Amino acid sequence: MGGITRLLLLLWAGVTVSTAMDLHKRIIGGRECPHNERLYHVKITDDADDILCGGSLISNQWFLTAAHCLQDSMTVFLGAHPGPEREVQITTHEIFRDNRDRPHDIMLVRLSHPTNIIPVRLPDCAHRPNIGDTVQIAGHGPTAAGPQGERDYIYLDEHVESSTLQCADTTVVDCQRVRDLVGYIDPDKLYQHLICGQRHGVDTCPGDSGGGVVYNGMIYGVISFGVKLAPACVDTDGYMDVCAYKDWIESKTGSIFTKIAKALSCVGCPKL
């Protein structure tokens, strides 16, 4: 095994290193989310009741998450923040596929019954975050790496998941480093649309996948993967770029929230 491969830990959609590795779920460098924020956060667990992924309600009956979160045994909870949470049923899911029938790591999931939880707004893609802007990420799970910054799964697996939703700020960065490293390991992933984030002392892991990347109260990204060197908090995260998939999202959900927002912001457009 080459030196780069030994050094590089690539956490990508569809890559399952081991069961324990999949349980690296935490927002490092975060804080408990305020009780009046992120009420739209969806918690997804597996058949062992371990945190599998997060998600974000974008309407009263649809939530957005990462496609690699899909499992036969997934259980969905609303109200995980600030609580009390309640299990809900889902009826269908939609994974984006491009005109070459290639799946992208973004998924819509439909609830069996509408909820009255206020969803997060879809992005204003004319005013998206630029490189250097601060965005917020969120997830459940242990809140620290090992004493020397280890990402070793045996050490991390001894930690319990956080009972509270953790929020952290990170900085939008250029995706070229991500694309270079992903291209070296898995070039087939380069067709997906990304925004990227990195900040010293802040990190995500697979259990945080699917959570929303939020800017000015709108969702601009879905946590997908990280390209990590051996210690935690030293490299870049890749998020699915919601603006690139917004038309698909609207076409699948038929969201009344989206239609109202468009009508209110459109001068001279026909009424709904």
Protein backbone atom coordinates (compact mmCIF):
# COMPACT_ATOMS: atom_id res chain seq x y z
CA MET A 1 0.00 0.00 0.00
CA GLY A 2 1.46 3.39 -1.02
CA GLY A 3 2.33 6.15 1.39
CA ILE A 4 -0.54 8.38 0.28
CA THR A 5 -3.02 5.57 0.66
CA ARG A 6 -1.75 4.76 4.15
CA LEU A 7 -2.02 8.40 5.15
CA LEU A 8 -5.30 9.21 3.52
CA LEU A 9 -8.63 8.25 5.03
CA LEU A 10 -11.37 8.87 2.49
CA LEU A 11 -14.84 8.91 3.95
CA TRP A 12 -17.17 8.90 0.95
CA ALA A 13 -20.72 7.94 0.15
CA GLY A 14 -20.93 4.22 -0.49
CA VAL A 15 -17.54 3.42 1.08
CA THR A 16 -18.01 1.15 4.09
CA VAL A 17 -14.68 0.49 5.78
CA SER A 18 -16.11 -1.39 8.75
CA THR A 19 -19.07 -1.30 11.09
CA ALA A 20 -17.04 0.49 13.74
CA MET A 21 -15.68 2.96 11.20
CA ASP A 22 -19.23 3.81 10.21
CA LEU A 23 -19.90 4.83 13.80
CA HIS A 24 -17.46 7.78 13.71
CA LYS A 25 -20.27 10.21 14.26
CA ARG A 26 -19.64 13.55 15.74
CA ILE A 27 -19.38 17.24 15.13
CA ILE A 28 -15.95 18.11 16.54
CA GLY A 29 -15.48 21.68 17.68
CA GLY A 30 -19.19 22.30 18.04
CA ARG A 31 -21.61 23.40 20.73
CA GLU A 32 -25.16 22.49 21.61
CA CYS A 33 -27.48 24.05 19.05
CA PRO A 34 -29.77 26.75 20.52
CA HIS A 35 -33.17 25.34 21.42
CA ASN A 36 -34.96 27.59 18.93
CA GLU A 37 -32.77 26.61 15.97
CA ARG A 38 -32.54 23.54 13.73
CA LEU A 39 -36.00 22.31 14.76
CA TYR A 40 -36.21 20.87 11.25
CA HIS A 41 -33.30 18.49 11.90
CA VAL A 42 -34.15 14.84 11.25
CA LYS A 43 -32.35 12.03 13.08
CA ILE A 44 -31.85 8.69 11.35
CA THR A 45 -30.76 5.57 13.24
CA ASP A 46 -29.91 2.04 12.17
CA ASP A 47 -31.25 -1.27 13.49
CA ALA A 48 -28.88 -1.08 16.48
CA ASP A 49 -30.27 2.35 17.44
CA ASP A 50 -26.95 3.97 16.55
CA ILE A 51 -26.97 7.34 14.83
CA LEU A 52 -26.76 6.69 11.11
CA CYS A 53 -27.31 10.13 9.58
CA GLY A 54 -29.06 13.46 9.82
CA GLY A 55 -31.46 15.23 7.51
CA SER A 56 -33.40 18.48 7.09
CA LEU A 57 -37.12 18.99 6.60
CA ILE A 58 -37.63 21.13 3.50
CA SER A 59 -41.46 20.93 3.50
CA ASN A 60 -44.18 19.56 5.72
CA GLN A 61 -43.71 16.07 4.27
CA TRP A 62 -40.23 15.83 2.70
CA PHE A 63 -36.72 15.87 4.09
CA LEU A 64 -33.35 16.11 2.40
CA THR A 65 -30.41 13.88 3.28
CA ALA A 66 -27.46 12.04 1.70
CA ALA A 67 -28.21 9.10 -0.58
CA HIS A 68 -25.66 6.86 1.14
CA CYS A 69 -27.79 7.09 4.30
CA LEU A 70 -30.37 4.78 2.74
CA GLN A 71 -30.75 1.45 4.56
CA ASP A 72 -33.57 -1.06 4.83
CA SER A 73 -33.41 -0.75 8.61
CA MET A 74 -33.32 3.05 8.92
CA THR A 75 -35.57 4.61 11.56
CA VAL A 76 -36.53 8.28 11.32
CA PHE A 77 -37.17 10.67 14.21
CA LEU A 78 -38.55 14.20 14.23
CA GLY A 79 -38.20 16.54 17.20
CA ALA A 80 -34.77 15.19 18.15
CA HIS A 81 -33.81 18.81 18.76
CA PRO A 82 -34.66 20.10 21.26
CA GLY A 83 -36.92 17.14 22.03
CA PRO A 84 -38.93 15.15 22.79
CA GLU A 85 -38.27 13.11 19.68
CA ARG A 86 -40.85 10.89 18.05
CA GLU A 87 -40.48 8.12 15.52
CA VAL A 88 -42.20 8.70 12.18
CA GLN A 89 -42.89 6.50 9.20
CA ILE A 90 -41.63 7.12 5.68
CA THR A 91 -43.22 6.07 2.40
CA THR A 92 -40.77 6.67 -0.43
CA HIS A 93 -37.40 8.06 -1.35
CA GLU A 94 -35.90 9.71 -4.44
CA ILE A 95 -32.18 9.71 -5.30
CA PHE A 96 -30.95 12.15 -7.92
CA ARG A 97 -29.68 10.57 -11.13
CA ASP A 98 -28.22 12.63 -13.93
CA ASN A 99 -28.83 12.26 -17.68
CA ARG A 100 -26.26 9.45 -17.78
CA ASP A 101 -28.19 7.62 -15.03
CA ARG A 102 -25.39 8.18 -12.49
CA PRO A 103 -26.57 8.47 -8.86
CA HIS A 104 -25.54 11.51 -6.84
CA ASP A 105 -25.25 11.54 -3.06
CA ILE A 106 -28.43 13.48 -2.40
CA MET A 107 -31.81 12.01 -1.49
CA LEU A 108 -35.35 13.13 -0.77
CA VAL A 109 -37.45 11.11 1.70
CA ARG A 110 -41.22 11.47 2.08
CA LEU A 111 -42.95 11.18 5.44
CA SER A 112 -46.14 9.13 5.63
CA HIS A 113 -47.95 12.06 7.28
CA PRO A 114 -47.37 15.82 7.19
CA THR A 115 -45.71 17.54 10.13
CA ASN A 116 -46.27 21.03 11.51
CA ILE A 117 -42.55 21.59 12.11
CA ILE A 118 -41.37 24.63 10.15
CA PRO A 119 -38.94 23.46 7.46
CA VAL A 120 -35.64 25.04 6.48
CA ARG A 121 -35.87 27.24 3.40
CA LEU A 122 -34.35 26.16 0.12
CA PRO A 123 -31.44 28.33 -1.02
CA ASP A 124 -31.43 31.69 -2.74
CA CYS A 125 -28.96 30.65 -5.39
CA ALA A 126 -28.42 34.21 -6.59
CA HIS A 127 -26.89 34.98 -3.19
CA ARG A 128 -25.07 31.81 -2.30
CA PRO A 129 -22.14 31.73 0.16
CA ASN A 130 -18.76 32.60 -1.34
CA ILE A 131 -15.32 31.29 -0.47
CA GLY A 132 -14.43 32.67 2.95
CA ASP A 133 -18.03 32.90 4.17
CA THR A 134 -19.14 31.14 7.35
CA VAL A 135 -21.75 28.37 7.18
CA GLN A 136 -23.20 26.19 9.92
CA ILE A 137 -23.17 22.39 10.11
CA ALA A 138 -24.85 20.14 12.68
CA GLY A 139 -24.93 16.53 13.85
CA HIS A 140 -25.20 14.15 16.79
CA GLY A 141 -22.43 12.11 18.44
CA PRO A 142 -19.23 12.38 20.48
CA THR A 143 -17.79 15.87 20.46
CA ALA A 144 -14.03 15.22 20.55
CA ALA A 145 -11.32 13.12 18.94
CA GLY A 146 -8.71 11.19 20.92
CA PRO A 147 -6.23 12.94 23.25
CA GLN A 148 -3.71 13.31 20.40
CA GLY A 149 -6.34 14.06 17.77
CA GLU A 150 -6.71 10.39 16.83
CA ARG A 151 -9.47 9.35 14.49
CA ASP A 152 -8.88 5.70 15.43
CA TYR A 153 -12.24 3.97 15.43
CA ILE A 154 -11.45 1.72 18.43
CA TYR A 155 -10.90 4.78 20.60
CA LEU A 156 -13.85 6.69 19.23
CA ASP A 157 -16.17 3.72 19.51
CA GLU A 158 -15.76 3.85 23.29
CA HIS A 159 -17.55 7.19 23.34
CA VAL A 160 -21.31 7.56 23.60
CA GLU A 161 -23.27 9.67 21.21
CA SER A 162 -24.23 13.16 22.27
CA SER A 163 -27.75 13.46 23.60
CA THR A 164 -27.92 16.95 22.11
CA LEU A 165 -27.62 18.23 18.56
CA GLN A 166 -24.21 19.85 18.06
CA CYS A 167 -23.78 22.91 15.82
CA ALA A 168 -20.49 24.22 14.48
CA ASP A 169 -19.39 26.99 12.14
CA THR A 170 -17.04 26.26 9.27
CA THR A 171 -15.65 28.23 6.34
CA VAL A 172 -16.45 27.78 2.66
CA VAL A 173 -13.25 26.85 0.81
CA ASP A 174 -12.27 25.99 -2.74
CA CYS A 175 -13.04 22.38 -3.64
CA GLN A 176 -9.92 21.79 -5.71
CA ARG A 177 -8.09 19.87 -2.96
CA VAL A 178 -11.11 17.65 -2.47
CA ARG A 179 -11.35 17.02 -6.20
CA ASP A 180 -7.64 16.26 -6.46
CA LEU A 181 -7.75 13.68 -3.66
CA VAL A 182 -11.07 12.19 -4.68
CA GLY A 183 -9.82 11.97 -8.25
CA TYR A 184 -6.82 9.97 -7.03
CA ILE A 185 -8.90 7.52 -4.98
CA ASP A 186 -12.29 7.41 -6.72
CA PRO A 187 -12.46 9.44 -9.94
CA ASP A 188 -16.01 8.30 -10.67
CA LYS A 189 -17.21 10.62 -7.90
CA LEU A 190 -16.01 13.78 -9.64
CA TYR A 191 -19.25 14.28 -11.58
CA GLN A 192 -21.16 15.34 -8.46
CA HIS A 193 -21.80 19.00 -7.58
CA LEU A 194 -20.02 20.14 -4.42
CA ILE A 195 -19.37 22.97 -2.07
CA CYS A 196 -16.61 22.50 0.49
CA GLY A 197 -15.83 23.56 4.04
CA GLN A 198 -12.85 23.61 6.35
CA ARG A 199 -11.98 25.31 9.64
CA HIS A 200 -9.32 24.54 12.20
CA GLY A 201 -10.76 22.57 15.12
CA VAL A 202 -14.00 21.64 13.33
CA ASP A 203 -14.72 18.26 11.77
CA THR A 204 -17.46 15.89 10.65
CA CYS A 205 -17.66 12.12 10.26
CA PRO A 206 -20.04 9.67 8.53
CA GLY A 207 -22.74 9.74 11.20
CA ASP A 208 -23.10 13.45 10.49
CA SER A 209 -23.82 12.73 6.82
CA GLY A 210 -27.08 14.11 5.49
CA GLY A 211 -27.18 17.08 7.87
CA GLY A 212 -27.81 20.53 6.47
CA VAL A 213 -25.17 23.15 5.66
CA VAL A 214 -26.98 26.39 6.46
CA TYR A 215 -26.28 30.01 5.50
CA ASN A 216 -28.58 32.95 6.26
CA GLY A 217 -31.27 30.54 7.44
CA MET A 218 -31.31 28.53 4.19
CA ILE A 219 -29.89 25.14 3.27
CA TYR A 220 -27.08 25.31 0.73
CA GLY A 221 -25.42 21.95 1.32
CA VAL A 222 -25.91 18.37 2.49
CA ILE A 223 -23.01 16.82 4.42
CA SER A 224 -21.67 14.03 2.23
CA PHE A 225 -18.05 13.06 2.83
CA GLY A 226 -14.69 14.13 4.13
CA VAL A 227 -11.18 13.82 2.81
CA LYS A 228 -9.12 13.43 5.98
CA LEU A 229 -5.49 13.08 6.85
CA ALA A 230 -4.74 10.94 9.91
CA PRO A 231 -5.56 13.44 12.70
CA ALA A 232 -8.99 14.98 13.00
CA CYS A 233 -9.72 18.56 11.99
CA VAL A 234 -6.96 19.00 9.42
CA ASP A 235 -8.61 18.69 6.03
CA THR A 236 -11.68 19.43 3.93
CA ASP A 237 -15.33 18.35 3.96
CA GLY A 238 -17.42 17.91 0.82
CA TYR A 239 -21.09 18.88 0.80
CA MET A 240 -23.63 18.29 -1.94
CA ASP A 241 -24.43 21.66 -3.52
CA VAL A 242 -28.19 22.11 -3.05
CA CYS A 243 -28.35 24.90 -5.64
CA ALA A 244 -27.23 22.43 -8.31
CA TYR A 245 -30.13 20.11 -7.40
CA LYS A 246 -32.78 22.71 -6.55
CA ASP A 247 -34.86 22.26 -9.71
CA TRP A 248 -34.96 18.50 -9.12
CA ILE A 249 -35.94 19.02 -5.48
CA GLU A 250 -38.80 21.32 -6.42
CA SER A 251 -40.00 19.03 -9.19
CA LYS A 252 -40.12 16.02 -6.87
CA THR A 253 -41.65 17.67 -3.82
CA GLY A 254 -44.01 20.14 -5.45
CA SER A 255 -43.46 22.14 -2.28
CA ILE A 256 -46.12 24.76 -1.58
CA PHE A 257 -43.47 26.61 0.41
CA THR A 258 -41.35 26.93 -2.72
CA LYS A 259 -44.30 28.08 -4.84
CA ILE A 260 -45.28 30.73 -2.30
CA ALA A 261 -41.72 32.01 -2.02
CA LYS A 262 -41.42 32.28 -5.81
CA ALA A 263 -44.74 34.08 -6.11
CA LEU A 264 -43.84 36.58 -3.41
CA SER A 265 -40.47 37.36 -5.00
CA CYS A 266 -41.59 37.44 -8.65
CA VAL A 267 -42.70 40.75 -10.17
CA GLY A 268 -45.18 40.38 -13.01
CA CYS A 269 -45.47 36.63 -12.63
CA PRO A 270 -48.91 34.97 -12.82
CA LYS A 271 -50.64 34.27 -9.53
CA LEU A 272 -50.67 30.77 -8.08
